[in-house]
Amino acid sequence: MSDFPVVSTGENVSRQVLADHPDLMVVAFRFDKEGAVGALHHHPHIQSTFVKSGRFRFTVGDDVREVGPNDSFVIPTNIPHGCVCIEPGTLIDCFTPRREDFL
């Protein structure tokens, strides 16, 4: 169980840091309602995303794909990405190095 707080990141979206080290951070993002949005953004971290539950329409650069349980993919540094929730669920994201802005 994480000692980090649950933080709202938008309407019906929250995040919680699960594990943290200067070189790596694991974060759960919970989408509680269909249509909830993970806003399009980019950052200098390499990100891997694992779909624990739910369905999402992801935009990664110019690619748009639908993902569901047990799907995973990597987002390179500084590539614009975001998602729309199709079915409520949870994404597990790993960032290297860690996201200092999440602490």
C-alpha atoms as a PDB file:
ATOM      1  CA  MET A   1       0.000   0.000   0.000  1.00  0.00           C
ATOM      2  CA  SER A   2       1.316   3.448  -0.934  1.00  0.00           C
ATOM      3  CA  ASP A   3       1.967   6.170   1.618  1.00  0.00           C
ATOM      4  CA  PHE A   4       1.637   8.797  -1.122  1.00  0.00           C
ATOM      5  CA  PRO A   5      -1.614  10.797  -1.352  1.00  0.00           C
ATOM      6  CA  VAL A   6      -4.235  10.389  -4.057  1.00  0.00           C
ATOM      7  CA  VAL A   7      -4.173  13.578  -6.152  1.00  0.00           C
ATOM      8  CA  SER A   8      -6.912  14.792  -8.506  1.00  0.00           C
ATOM      9  CA  THR A   9      -5.541  15.440 -11.988  1.00  0.00           C
ATOM     10  CA  GLY A  10      -8.826  16.379 -13.645  1.00  0.00           C
ATOM     11  CA  GLU A  11     -12.521  15.621 -13.615  1.00  0.00           C
ATOM     12  CA  ASN A  12     -12.928  11.935 -12.654  1.00  0.00           C
ATOM     13  CA  VAL A  13      -9.161  11.304 -12.884  1.00  0.00           C
ATOM     14  CA  SER A  14      -6.696  10.831 -10.021  1.00  0.00           C
ATOM     15  CA  ARG A  15      -3.137   9.631  -9.556  1.00  0.00           C
ATOM     16  CA  GLN A  16      -1.178   8.022  -6.750  1.00  0.00           C
ATOM     17  CA  VAL A  17       2.544   7.399  -6.648  1.00  0.00           C
ATOM     18  CA  LEU A  18       3.021   3.706  -5.815  1.00  0.00           C
ATOM     19  CA  ALA A  19       6.822   3.524  -5.691  1.00  0.00           C
ATOM     20  CA  ASP A  20       9.579   6.075  -5.998  1.00  0.00           C
ATOM     21  CA  HIS A  21      13.342   6.166  -6.589  1.00  0.00           C
ATOM     22  CA  PRO A  22      15.410   8.910  -8.272  1.00  0.00           C
ATOM     23  CA  ASP A  23      15.780   6.698 -11.359  1.00  0.00           C
ATOM     24  CA  LEU A  24      12.217   5.305 -11.566  1.00  0.00           C
ATOM     25  CA  MET A  25       8.674   6.100 -10.429  1.00  0.00           C
ATOM     26  CA  VAL A  26       5.533   3.922 -10.585  1.00  0.00           C
ATOM     27  CA  VAL A  27       2.190   5.749 -10.618  1.00  0.00           C
ATOM     28  CA  ALA A  28      -1.447   4.569 -10.757  1.00  0.00           C
ATOM     29  CA  PHE A  29      -3.903   6.730 -12.687  1.00  0.00           C
ATOM     30  CA  ARG A  30      -7.580   6.017 -11.937  1.00  0.00           C
ATOM     31  CA  PHE A  31     -10.275   7.017 -14.447  1.00  0.00           C
ATOM     32  CA  ASP A  32     -13.671   6.837 -12.719  1.00  0.00           C
ATOM     33  CA  LYS A  33     -16.015   7.650 -15.590  1.00  0.00           C
ATOM     34  CA  GLU A  34     -16.369   7.108 -19.322  1.00  0.00           C
ATOM     35  CA  GLY A  35     -15.217  10.224 -21.154  1.00  0.00           C
ATOM     36  CA  ALA A  36     -12.666  11.236 -18.489  1.00  0.00           C
ATOM     37  CA  VAL A  37      -9.610  12.758 -20.145  1.00  0.00           C
ATOM     38  CA  GLY A  38      -5.897  12.419 -19.601  1.00  0.00           C
ATOM     39  CA  ALA A  39      -4.990  15.738 -21.240  1.00  0.00           C
ATOM     40  CA  LEU A  40      -2.561  15.801 -24.155  1.00  0.00           C
ATOM     41  CA  HIS A  41       0.919  16.635 -22.795  1.00  0.00           C
ATOM     42  CA  HIS A  42       4.603  15.771 -23.109  1.00  0.00           C
ATOM     43  CA  HIS A  43       7.572  15.500 -20.758  1.00  0.00           C
ATOM     44  CA  PRO A  44      11.267  14.585 -20.864  1.00  0.00           C
ATOM     45  CA  HIS A  45      10.716  11.231 -19.137  1.00  0.00           C
ATOM     46  CA  ILE A  46      10.461   7.846 -20.839  1.00  0.00           C
ATOM     47  CA  GLN A  47       7.079   6.395 -19.871  1.00  0.00           C
ATOM     48  CA  SER A  48       5.734   2.875 -19.991  1.00  0.00           C
ATOM     49  CA  THR A  49       1.996   2.355 -19.573  1.00  0.00           C
ATOM     50  CA  PHE A  50       0.254  -0.847 -18.492  1.00  0.00           C
ATOM     51  CA  VAL A  51      -3.543  -1.080 -18.615  1.00  0.00           C
ATOM     52  CA  LYS A  52      -4.574  -2.757 -15.370  1.00  0.00           C
ATOM     53  CA  SER A  53      -8.288  -2.381 -16.121  1.00  0.00           C
ATOM     54  CA  GLY A  54     -10.679  -0.410 -18.322  1.00  0.00           C
ATOM     55  CA  ARG A  55     -10.444   0.699 -21.957  1.00  0.00           C
ATOM     56  CA  PHE A  56      -8.790   3.838 -23.291  1.00  0.00           C
ATOM     57  CA  ARG A  57      -8.284   5.638 -26.602  1.00  0.00           C
ATOM     58  CA  PHE A  58      -4.661   6.815 -26.567  1.00  0.00           C
ATOM     59  CA  THR A  59      -3.007   9.375 -28.774  1.00  0.00           C
ATOM     60  CA  VAL A  60       0.772   9.010 -28.908  1.00  0.00           C
ATOM     61  CA  GLY A  61       2.299  11.396 -31.412  1.00  0.00           C
ATOM     62  CA  ASP A  62       0.337  10.860 -34.641  1.00  0.00           C
ATOM     63  CA  ASP A  63      -0.841   7.373 -33.611  1.00  0.00           C
ATOM     64  CA  VAL A  64      -4.316   6.767 -32.139  1.00  0.00           C
ATOM     65  CA  ARG A  65      -5.076   3.342 -30.671  1.00  0.00           C
ATOM     66  CA  GLU A  66      -7.545   1.684 -28.352  1.00  0.00           C
ATOM     67  CA  VAL A  67      -6.063  -0.283 -25.467  1.00  0.00           C
ATOM     68  CA  GLY A  68      -7.531  -2.571 -22.811  1.00  0.00           C
ATOM     69  CA  PRO A  69      -6.581  -4.854 -19.927  1.00  0.00           C
ATOM     70  CA  ASN A  70      -3.020  -6.208 -20.055  1.00  0.00           C
ATOM     71  CA  ASP A  71      -1.981  -3.989 -22.978  1.00  0.00           C
ATOM     72  CA  SER A  72       1.228  -2.051 -22.535  1.00  0.00           C
ATOM     73  CA  PHE A  73       3.375   0.335 -24.548  1.00  0.00           C
ATOM     74  CA  VAL A  74       6.272   2.799 -24.220  1.00  0.00           C
ATOM     75  CA  ILE A  75       6.113   6.539 -24.849  1.00  0.00           C
ATOM     76  CA  PRO A  76       9.479   8.081 -25.778  1.00  0.00           C
ATOM     77  CA  THR A  77      10.648  11.401 -24.344  1.00  0.00           C
ATOM     78  CA  ASN A  78       8.847  14.585 -25.382  1.00  0.00           C
ATOM     79  CA  ILE A  79       6.224  12.837 -27.566  1.00  0.00           C
ATOM     80  CA  PRO A  80       2.767  14.424 -27.103  1.00  0.00           C
ATOM     81  CA  HIS A  81       0.336  11.894 -25.616  1.00  0.00           C
ATOM     82  CA  GLY A  82      -2.998  11.682 -23.818  1.00  0.00           C
ATOM     83  CA  CYS A  83      -6.077   9.517 -23.564  1.00  0.00           C
ATOM     84  CA  VAL A  84      -9.842   9.370 -23.288  1.00  0.00           C
ATOM     85  CA  CYS A  85     -11.461   6.782 -21.037  1.00  0.00           C
ATOM     86  CA  ILE A  86     -13.845   4.440 -22.861  1.00  0.00           C
ATOM     87  CA  GLU A  87     -14.516   2.191 -19.824  1.00  0.00           C
ATOM     88  CA  PRO A  88     -13.481   3.208 -16.269  1.00  0.00           C
ATOM     89  CA  GLY A  89     -10.227   1.675 -15.109  1.00  0.00           C
ATOM     90  CA  THR A  90      -6.643   2.088 -13.979  1.00  0.00           C
ATOM     91  CA  LEU A  91      -3.382   2.719 -15.805  1.00  0.00           C
ATOM     92  CA  ILE A  92      -0.030   1.897 -14.215  1.00  0.00           C
ATOM     93  CA  ASP A  93       2.681   4.213 -15.541  1.00  0.00           C
ATOM     94  CA  CYS A  94       6.420   3.952 -14.959  1.00  0.00           C
ATOM     95  CA  PHE A  95       8.635   6.988 -15.520  1.00  0.00           C
ATOM     96  CA  THR A  96      12.387   7.195 -15.816  1.00  0.00           C
ATOM     97  CA  PRO A  97      13.782   9.256 -14.311  1.00  0.00           C
ATOM     98  CA  ARG A  98      11.114   9.911 -11.669  1.00  0.00           C
ATOM     99  CA  ARG A  99       8.596  12.743 -12.074  1.00  0.00           C
ATOM    100  CA  GLU A 100       9.779  15.296  -9.527  1.00  0.00           C
ATOM    101  CA  ASP A 101       6.607  17.291 -10.248  1.00  0.00           C
ATOM    102  CA  PHE A 102       4.542  14.409  -8.779  1.00  0.00           C
ATOM    103  CA  LEU A 103       6.263  14.609  -5.375  1.00  0.00           C
END
